[in-house]
Amino acid sequence: MATRRKKNKLGVKNSLVNNINARKNKGISRSKKKGTVKKEDYDHLKKNEWD
C-alpha cells in the first residue's frame, strides 16, 4: 500500500528547499528587498562572520 505524502498549499512536500523551489517556479519568490533577513545579518552571512 502506497502512503500519501502531505503536501502544502504550493503542492509540494513540506521542506524548506521544496518550498523555495516551488515559489521560484511559480514566480512568487521573495526578492532581497521583501526578504525577512535584516541587511546587517545578510552582510554577516556574506562575510561569513558570526559571533
PDB file of N, CA and C in Angstrom:
ATOM      1  N   MET A   1       0.843  -1.173   0.000  1.00  0.00           N
ATOM      2  CA  MET A   1       0.000   0.000   0.000  1.00  0.00           C
ATOM      3  C   MET A   1       0.897   1.248   0.000  1.00  0.00           C
ATOM      4  N   ALA A   2       0.674   2.127  -0.932  1.00  0.00           N
ATOM      5  CA  ALA A   2       1.465   3.352  -1.014  1.00  0.00           C
ATOM      6  C   ALA A   2       0.941   4.390  -0.025  1.00  0.00           C
ATOM      7  N   THR A   3       1.878   5.077   0.615  1.00  0.00           N
ATOM      8  CA  THR A   3       1.470   6.127   1.550  1.00  0.00           C
ATOM      9  C   THR A   3       1.433   7.460   0.822  1.00  0.00           C
ATOM     10  N   ARG A   4       0.462   8.265   1.168  1.00  0.00           N
ATOM     11  CA  ARG A   4       0.352   9.588   0.558  1.00  0.00           C
ATOM     12  C   ARG A   4       1.124  10.575   1.407  1.00  0.00           C
ATOM     13  N   ARG A   5       1.941  11.376   0.751  1.00  0.00           N
ATOM     14  CA  ARG A   5       2.707  12.377   1.477  1.00  0.00           C
ATOM     15  C   ARG A   5       1.882  13.632   1.632  1.00  0.00           C
ATOM     16  N   LYS A   6       2.022  14.283   2.781  1.00  0.00           N
ATOM     17  CA  LYS A   6       1.327  15.544   2.995  1.00  0.00           C
ATOM     18  C   LYS A   6       1.930  16.613   2.107  1.00  0.00           C
ATOM     19  N   LYS A   7       1.087  17.403   1.505  1.00  0.00           N
ATOM     20  CA  LYS A   7       1.554  18.485   0.651  1.00  0.00           C
ATOM     21  C   LYS A   7       1.005  19.799   1.176  1.00  0.00           C
ATOM     22  N   ASN A   8       1.773  20.836   0.994  1.00  0.00           N
ATOM     23  CA  ASN A   8       1.339  22.155   1.451  1.00  0.00           C
ATOM     24  C   ASN A   8       0.543  22.852   0.357  1.00  0.00           C
ATOM     25  N   LYS A   9       0.220  24.134   0.566  1.00  0.00           N
ATOM     26  CA  LYS A   9      -0.628  24.838  -0.396  1.00  0.00           C
ATOM     27  C   LYS A   9       0.059  25.084  -1.735  1.00  0.00           C
ATOM     28  N   LEU A  10       1.393  24.924  -1.788  1.00  0.00           N
ATOM     29  CA  LEU A  10       2.103  25.044  -3.060  1.00  0.00           C
ATOM     30  C   LEU A  10       2.105  23.725  -3.828  1.00  0.00           C
ATOM     31  N   GLY A  11       1.645  22.666  -3.177  1.00  0.00           N
ATOM     32  CA  GLY A  11       1.538  21.374  -3.843  1.00  0.00           C
ATOM     33  C   GLY A  11       2.800  20.530  -3.780  1.00  0.00           C
ATOM     34  N   VAL A  12       3.711  20.861  -2.851  1.00  0.00           N
ATOM     35  CA  VAL A  12       4.944  20.091  -2.713  1.00  0.00           C
ATOM     36  C   VAL A  12       5.059  19.560  -1.285  1.00  0.00           C
ATOM     37  N   LYS A  13       5.929  18.564  -1.118  1.00  0.00           N
ATOM     38  CA  LYS A  13       6.196  18.025   0.214  1.00  0.00           C
ATOM     39  C   LYS A  13       6.802  19.132   1.075  1.00  0.00           C
ATOM     40  N   ASN A  14       6.427  19.169   2.344  1.00  0.00           N
ATOM     41  CA  ASN A  14       6.906  20.220   3.228  1.00  0.00           C
ATOM     42  C   ASN A  14       8.399  20.089   3.516  1.00  0.00           C
ATOM     43  N   SER A  15       9.171  21.000   2.939  1.00  0.00           N
ATOM     44  CA  SER A  15      10.578  21.164   3.282  1.00  0.00           C
ATOM     45  C   SER A  15      10.986  22.541   2.785  1.00  0.00           C
ATOM     46  N   LEU A  16      11.998  23.095   3.398  1.00  0.00           N
ATOM     47  CA  LEU A  16      12.431  24.442   3.052  1.00  0.00           C
ATOM     48  C   LEU A  16      12.833  24.540   1.583  1.00  0.00           C
ATOM     49  N   VAL A  17      13.631  23.597   1.120  1.00  0.00           N
ATOM     50  CA  VAL A  17      14.118  23.625  -0.262  1.00  0.00           C
ATOM     51  C   VAL A  17      12.967  23.468  -1.242  1.00  0.00           C
ATOM     52  N   ASN A  18      12.047  22.548  -0.970  1.00  0.00           N
ATOM     53  CA  ASN A  18      10.893  22.357  -1.849  1.00  0.00           C
ATOM     54  C   ASN A  18      10.032  23.606  -1.909  1.00  0.00           C
ATOM     55  N   ASN A  19       9.828  24.260  -0.752  1.00  0.00           N
ATOM     56  CA  ASN A  19       9.019  25.477  -0.733  1.00  0.00           C
ATOM     57  C   ASN A  19       9.676  26.596  -1.533  1.00  0.00           C
ATOM     58  N   ILE A  20      10.982  26.774  -1.357  1.00  0.00           N
ATOM     59  CA  ILE A  20      11.703  27.825  -2.099  1.00  0.00           C
ATOM     60  C   ILE A  20      11.617  27.562  -3.590  1.00  0.00           C
ATOM     61  N   ASN A  21      11.882  26.319  -4.000  1.00  0.00           N
ATOM     62  CA  ASN A  21      11.857  25.996  -5.428  1.00  0.00           C
ATOM     63  C   ASN A  21      10.455  26.109  -6.012  1.00  0.00           C
ATOM     64  N   ALA A  22       9.437  25.724  -5.262  1.00  0.00           N
ATOM     65  CA  ALA A  22       8.064  25.832  -5.752  1.00  0.00           C
ATOM     66  C   ALA A  22       7.684  27.297  -5.944  1.00  0.00           C
ATOM     67  N   ARG A  23       8.065  28.158  -4.984  1.00  0.00           N
ATOM     68  CA  ARG A  23       7.781  29.590  -5.119  1.00  0.00           C
ATOM     69  C   ARG A  23       8.519  30.168  -6.323  1.00  0.00           C
ATOM     70  N   LYS A  24       9.760  29.735  -6.512  1.00  0.00           N
ATOM     71  CA  LYS A  24      10.562  30.225  -7.631  1.00  0.00           C
ATOM     72  C   LYS A  24       9.915  29.831  -8.967  1.00  0.00           C
ATOM     73  N   ASN A  25       9.460  28.572  -9.054  1.00  0.00           N
ATOM     74  CA  ASN A  25       8.829  28.090 -10.290  1.00  0.00           C
ATOM     75  C   ASN A  25       7.513  28.798 -10.581  1.00  0.00           C
ATOM     76  N   LYS A  26       6.779  29.185  -9.521  1.00  0.00           N
ATOM     77  CA  LYS A  26       5.513  29.888  -9.720  1.00  0.00           C
ATOM     78  C   LYS A  26       5.710  31.379  -9.952  1.00  0.00           C
ATOM     79  N   GLY A  27       6.940  31.857  -9.771  1.00  0.00           N
ATOM     80  CA  GLY A  27       7.222  33.273  -9.985  1.00  0.00           C
ATOM     81  C   GLY A  27       6.804  34.149  -8.825  1.00  0.00           C
ATOM     82  N   ILE A  28       6.714  33.576  -7.621  1.00  0.00           N
ATOM     83  CA  ILE A  28       6.303  34.371  -6.459  1.00  0.00           C
ATOM     84  C   ILE A  28       7.367  34.359  -5.371  1.00  0.00           C
ATOM     85  N   SER A  29       8.618  34.123  -5.764  1.00  0.00           N
ATOM     86  CA  SER A  29       9.679  34.126  -4.757  1.00  0.00           C
ATOM     87  C   SER A  29       9.936  35.546  -4.281  1.00  0.00           C
ATOM     88  N   ARG A  30      10.449  35.681  -3.077  1.00  0.00           N
ATOM     89  CA  ARG A  30      10.676  36.994  -2.481  1.00  0.00           C
ATOM     90  C   ARG A  30      12.026  37.553  -2.915  1.00  0.00           C
ATOM     91  N   SER A  31      12.048  38.838  -3.208  1.00  0.00           N
ATOM     92  CA  SER A  31      13.311  39.492  -3.506  1.00  0.00           C
ATOM     93  C   SER A  31      14.038  39.785  -2.209  1.00  0.00           C
ATOM     94  N   LYS A  32      15.282  40.245  -2.296  1.00  0.00           N
ATOM     95  CA  LYS A  32      16.025  40.608  -1.089  1.00  0.00           C
ATOM     96  C   LYS A  32      15.320  41.739  -0.353  1.00  0.00           C
ATOM     97  N   LYS A  33      14.730  42.655  -1.128  1.00  0.00           N
ATOM     98  CA  LYS A  33      14.051  43.800  -0.522  1.00  0.00           C
ATOM     99  C   LYS A  33      12.868  43.358   0.337  1.00  0.00           C
ATOM    100  N   LYS A  34      12.149  42.341  -0.106  1.00  0.00           N
ATOM    101  CA  LYS A  34      10.984  41.858   0.628  1.00  0.00           C
ATOM    102  C   LYS A  34      11.313  40.675   1.539  1.00  0.00           C
ATOM    103  N   GLY A  35      12.591  40.348   1.669  1.00  0.00           N
ATOM    104  CA  GLY A  35      13.014  39.219   2.489  1.00  0.00           C
ATOM    105  C   GLY A  35      12.838  39.505   3.968  1.00  0.00           C
ATOM    106  N   THR A  36      13.032  38.486   4.769  1.00  0.00           N
ATOM    107  CA  THR A  36      12.843  38.620   6.201  1.00  0.00           C
ATOM    108  C   THR A  36      14.169  38.675   6.956  1.00  0.00           C
ATOM    109  N   VAL A  37      15.287  38.644   6.217  1.00  0.00           N
ATOM    110  CA  VAL A  37      16.600  38.712   6.843  1.00  0.00           C
ATOM    111  C   VAL A  37      17.048  40.172   6.859  1.00  0.00           C
ATOM    112  N   LYS A  38      17.516  40.644   8.037  1.00  0.00           N
ATOM    113  CA  LYS A  38      17.977  42.024   8.142  1.00  0.00           C
ATOM    114  C   LYS A  38      19.221  42.226   7.291  1.00  0.00           C
ATOM    115  N   LYS A  39      19.410  43.453   6.805  1.00  0.00           N
ATOM    116  CA  LYS A  39      20.558  43.753   5.958  1.00  0.00           C
ATOM    117  C   LYS A  39      21.865  43.463   6.673  1.00  0.00           C
ATOM    118  N   GLU A  40      21.971  43.840   7.954  1.00  0.00           N
ATOM    119  CA  GLU A  40      23.230  43.612   8.664  1.00  0.00           C
ATOM    120  C   GLU A  40      23.506  42.122   8.849  1.00  0.00           C
ATOM    121  N   ASP A  41      22.461  41.322   9.056  1.00  0.00           N
ATOM    122  CA  ASP A  41      22.646  39.879   9.161  1.00  0.00           C
ATOM    123  C   ASP A  41      23.074  39.291   7.823  1.00  0.00           C
ATOM    124  N   TYR A  42      22.501  39.809   6.743  1.00  0.00           N
ATOM    125  CA  TYR A  42      22.860  39.337   5.414  1.00  0.00           C
ATOM    126  C   TYR A  42      24.319  39.674   5.120  1.00  0.00           C
ATOM    127  N   ASP A  43      24.756  40.870   5.533  1.00  0.00           N
ATOM    128  CA  ASP A  43      26.156  41.254   5.346  1.00  0.00           C
ATOM    129  C   ASP A  43      27.088  40.327   6.125  1.00  0.00           C
ATOM    130  N   HIS A  44      26.668  39.941   7.339  1.00  0.00           N
ATOM    131  CA  HIS A  44      27.464  38.993   8.127  1.00  0.00           C
ATOM    132  C   HIS A  44      27.548  37.648   7.415  1.00  0.00           C
ATOM    133  N   LEU A  45      26.460  37.223   6.811  1.00  0.00           N
ATOM    134  CA  LEU A  45      26.464  35.959   6.063  1.00  0.00           C
ATOM    135  C   LEU A  45      27.448  36.017   4.913  1.00  0.00           C
ATOM    136  N   LYS A  46      27.434  37.148   4.179  1.00  0.00           N
ATOM    137  CA  LYS A  46      28.326  37.282   3.036  1.00  0.00           C
ATOM    138  C   LYS A  46      29.794  37.266   3.460  1.00  0.00           C
ATOM    139  N   LYS A  47      30.072  37.878   4.629  1.00  0.00           N
ATOM    140  CA  LYS A  47      31.449  37.930   5.130  1.00  0.00           C
ATOM    141  C   LYS A  47      31.810  36.680   5.930  1.00  0.00           C
ATOM    142  N   ASN A  48      30.807  35.839   6.199  1.00  0.00           N
ATOM    143  CA  ASN A  48      30.980  34.611   6.980  1.00  0.00           C
ATOM    144  C   ASN A  48      31.454  34.916   8.391  1.00  0.00           C
ATOM    145  N   GLU A  49      30.863  35.956   8.999  1.00  0.00           N
ATOM    146  CA  GLU A  49      31.197  36.333  10.363  1.00  0.00           C
ATOM    147  C   GLU A  49      29.994  36.097  11.271  1.00  0.00           C
ATOM    148  N   TRP A  50      30.176  35.270  12.258  1.00  0.00           N
ATOM    149  CA  TRP A  50      29.130  35.060  13.257  1.00  0.00           C
ATOM    150  C   TRP A  50      29.750  35.127  14.627  1.00  0.00           C
ATOM    151  N   ASP A  51      29.003  35.600  15.574  1.00  0.00           N
ATOM    152  CA  ASP A  51      29.503  35.719  16.960  1.00  0.00           C
ATOM    153  C   ASP A  51      29.696  34.372  17.594  1.00  0.00           C
TER     154      ASP A  51
END
